[in-house]
Amino acid sequence: MTTLPDNDYEEFEAWVEQGLNRKWISDLVCQTHESIPCTPEEDAQWDEGHDPCVPVVRVWGPREQ
């Protein structure tokens, strides 16, 4: 697993906080145990049997998180 040096991780935490505050990113979720956040339009597409593309970024962090 990739990990970040402490000083880089502090900058990353600030970046995530800013993204959350400005609604640029969703809350972090576990794709294995939770569903990926979708817009209401994407949810409707899923319900209608379509397969909308939902871009996802994997977040690398400390192993203990």
Protein backbone atom coordinates (compact mmCIF):
# COMPACT_ATOMS: atom_id res chain seq x y z
CA MET A 1 0.00 0.00 0.00
CA THR A 2 1.20 3.50 -0.80
CA THR A 3 1.54 5.89 2.14
CA LEU A 4 2.35 9.57 2.31
CA PRO A 5 5.03 11.21 4.44
CA ASP A 6 3.52 13.04 7.43
CA ASN A 7 4.05 16.53 5.98
CA ASP A 8 2.43 15.50 2.66
CA TYR A 9 -0.47 13.88 4.49
CA GLU A 10 -1.16 17.09 6.45
CA GLU A 11 -1.38 18.97 3.14
CA PHE A 12 -3.63 16.23 1.75
CA GLU A 13 -5.96 16.49 4.77
CA ALA A 14 -6.27 20.25 4.18
CA TRP A 15 -7.03 19.58 0.49
CA VAL A 16 -9.77 17.07 1.40
CA GLU A 17 -11.27 19.45 3.97
CA GLN A 18 -11.38 22.25 1.40
CA GLY A 19 -12.97 19.94 -1.17
CA LEU A 20 -15.64 18.85 1.30
CA ASN A 21 -16.36 22.43 2.42
CA ARG A 22 -16.70 23.66 -1.16
CA LYS A 23 -18.73 20.60 -2.26
CA TRP A 24 -16.08 19.62 -4.83
CA ILE A 25 -15.88 16.08 -3.43
CA SER A 26 -18.19 13.70 -1.60
CA ASP A 27 -17.61 12.28 1.84
CA LEU A 28 -15.16 9.41 1.78
CA VAL A 29 -16.82 6.01 1.45
CA CYS A 30 -15.67 2.41 1.32
CA GLN A 31 -16.63 1.05 -2.10
CA THR A 32 -16.59 -2.48 -0.73
CA HIS A 33 -19.08 -1.83 2.09
CA GLU A 34 -20.95 1.33 1.04
CA SER A 35 -22.37 2.60 -2.21
CA ILE A 36 -20.59 5.22 -4.27
CA PRO A 37 -22.25 8.64 -3.98
CA CYS A 38 -24.37 9.40 -7.05
CA THR A 39 -26.39 12.36 -8.23
CA PRO A 40 -30.20 12.04 -8.31
CA GLU A 41 -29.95 11.86 -12.11
CA GLU A 42 -27.48 8.96 -11.91
CA ASP A 43 -29.71 7.17 -9.37
CA ALA A 44 -32.63 7.52 -11.80
CA GLN A 45 -30.50 6.11 -14.62
CA TRP A 46 -29.58 3.09 -12.46
CA ASP A 47 -33.27 2.58 -11.59
CA GLU A 48 -34.15 2.64 -15.31
CA GLY A 49 -31.59 -0.09 -16.05
CA HIS A 50 -28.93 2.18 -17.52
CA ASP A 51 -25.26 2.04 -16.59
CA PRO A 52 -24.06 5.61 -15.93
CA CYS A 53 -20.34 6.23 -15.67
CA VAL A 54 -19.38 7.34 -12.15
CA PRO A 55 -15.75 8.51 -12.01
CA VAL A 56 -14.02 7.47 -8.78
CA VAL A 57 -10.64 8.33 -7.25
CA ARG A 58 -8.91 5.97 -4.85
CA VAL A 59 -7.61 7.81 -1.79
CA TRP A 60 -4.28 6.57 -0.45
CA GLY A 61 -3.63 7.32 3.20
CA PRO A 62 -1.99 5.94 6.30
CA ARG A 63 -2.44 2.20 6.70
CA GLU A 64 -4.31 2.61 10.01
CA GLN A 65 -7.14 4.60 8.39
